[in-house]
Protein backbone atom coordinates (compact mmCIF):
# COMPACT_ATOMS: atom_id res chain seq x y z
CA UNK A 1 -111.82 -12.30 113.95
CA UNK A 2 -109.15 -11.51 116.46
CA UNK A 3 -108.27 -13.95 119.20
CA UNK A 4 -106.20 -13.16 122.40
CA UNK A 5 -102.99 -14.32 120.73
CA UNK A 6 -103.60 -11.58 118.04
CA UNK A 7 -103.96 -9.20 120.62
CA UNK A 8 -100.62 -10.00 122.40
CA UNK A 9 -98.96 -9.62 119.29
CA UNK A 10 -100.27 -6.38 118.35
CA UNK A 11 -100.24 -4.88 121.86
CA UNK A 12 -97.17 -2.41 121.15
CA UNK A 13 -98.51 -1.36 117.92
CA UNK A 14 -102.09 -0.75 119.48
CA UNK A 15 -100.76 1.32 122.39
CA UNK A 16 -98.79 3.39 119.93
CA UNK A 17 -101.75 4.05 117.66
CA UNK A 18 -100.03 2.41 114.68
CA UNK A 19 -102.81 0.17 113.80
CA UNK A 20 -105.22 0.39 110.62
CA UNK A 21 -108.72 1.58 111.49
CA UNK A 22 -110.15 -1.88 110.89
CA UNK A 23 -107.72 -4.09 112.84
CA UNK A 24 -107.88 -1.36 115.89
CA UNK A 25 -111.61 -1.80 115.85
CA UNK A 26 -111.15 -5.70 115.84
CA UNK A 27 -108.91 -5.54 118.64
CA UNK A 28 -111.16 -2.96 120.80
CA UNK A 29 -114.16 -5.39 120.16
CA UNK A 30 -112.00 -8.13 121.56
CA UNK A 31 -110.97 -6.10 124.56
CA UNK A 32 -114.45 -5.14 125.33
CA UNK A 33 -115.40 -9.03 125.47
CA UNK A 34 -112.16 -10.39 126.94
CA UNK A 35 -111.36 -9.46 130.62
CA UNK A 36 -107.96 -11.24 130.61
CA UNK A 37 -106.96 -9.33 127.61
CA UNK A 38 -108.46 -6.06 128.76
CA UNK A 39 -106.34 -6.48 132.00
CA UNK A 40 -102.96 -6.79 130.21
CA UNK A 41 -103.59 -3.83 127.74
CA UNK A 42 -104.60 -1.54 130.70
CA UNK A 43 -101.66 -2.20 132.75
CA UNK A 44 -99.20 -2.19 130.16
CA UNK A 45 -100.79 1.08 129.27
CA UNK A 46 -100.81 2.45 132.57
CA UNK A 47 -97.08 1.38 133.20
CA UNK A 48 -96.08 3.06 130.16
CA UNK A 49 -97.43 6.33 131.07
CA UNK A 50 -96.68 6.24 134.53
CA UNK A 51 -92.95 5.37 133.56
CA UNK A 52 -93.18 8.03 131.01
CA UNK A 53 -94.45 10.82 133.46
CA UNK A 54 -97.62 10.52 131.31
CA UNK A 55 -96.28 10.88 128.04
CA UNK A 56 -96.58 7.48 126.05
CA UNK A 57 -93.14 6.84 123.90
CA UNK A 58 -92.96 4.06 121.19
CA UNK A 59 -91.00 1.13 123.10
CA UNK A 60 -87.66 0.25 121.45
CA UNK A 61 -87.74 -2.89 119.23
CA UNK A 62 -85.78 -4.89 121.72
CA UNK A 63 -88.08 -3.83 124.55
CA UNK A 64 -90.93 -4.62 122.57
CA UNK A 65 -89.82 -8.17 121.59
CA UNK A 66 -88.95 -8.91 125.10
CA UNK A 67 -92.27 -7.57 126.47
CA UNK A 68 -94.13 -9.69 123.79
CA UNK A 69 -92.11 -12.52 124.81
CA UNK A 70 -92.47 -12.69 128.33
CA UNK A 71 -96.52 -11.64 127.84
CA UNK A 72 -96.66 -14.82 125.47
CA UNK A 73 -95.00 -17.23 127.95
CA UNK A 74 -97.17 -15.74 130.84
CA UNK A 75 -100.31 -16.42 128.70
CA UNK A 76 -99.37 -19.68 127.66
CA UNK A 77 -98.34 -20.92 130.90
CA UNK A 78 -101.71 -19.63 132.35
CA UNK A 79 -103.51 -21.52 129.53
CA UNK A 80 -101.74 -24.73 130.42
């Protein structure tokens, strides 16, 4: 079962379509039931699309890692 931490960890891969079908379905099921993760995913997806003029491009590794770290810190701060 996928939890919020897993969702944040797999955010980039999910948006890039790089997850296997089973994990993608599990993440989608979690997103359907978790408003907080859904907002993060939708906002990140929209930001990338707007920034790239509607075209989704893979993020460079260093950007993806910084994004994951920032999201993780914010999520942990909110949960505390």
